[in-house]
Amino acid sequence: MAISHRAGIVAVGMFAILAGAGEIVVGLRGNYLGILNHSMPPSAATAIVGAFYCLGGASILTLRKWGAALGIAFIGAEIVGRIYLVATGLAPSGGADLIKIVIGGAIALAVIAYVASCWRKFS
């Protein structure tokens, strides 16, 4: 695996872990950082969605094809989890907050696309 591809894959995996850890903290403590305009109470479902992101990142960091496939599946579950949170009212479903949630989902989708584009680089 070329150094540049490896560094990109590692960076994406680390990002997924950090983003997921942030979501886990929001799930445990609520909207404590004030990222969303409306308050968001602590929720186990939000923490689980964040855990999917963390697990996806950790799987990607294996640098193996099975890890990449598992990472894509976990991050896909994170995107579905975001939809669930909005659909059930656990996350805000309108205005600027919804746009922020959609942007977060788009970033997760970009992570999936990047990992898929590097498929041949995984061993």
Foldseek 3Di string as FASTA:
>chain_A
DDPVLLVVLLVLLVVLLVQLVVQLVCQQQWPVVCPAVDTAHRHVLSNVLSVLSNQLSVLSNVLALVSLVSSLVSLVVSLVSLVVCLVVVNFPPDDPRVVVSVVVNVVSVVSNVSSVVCNVRRD
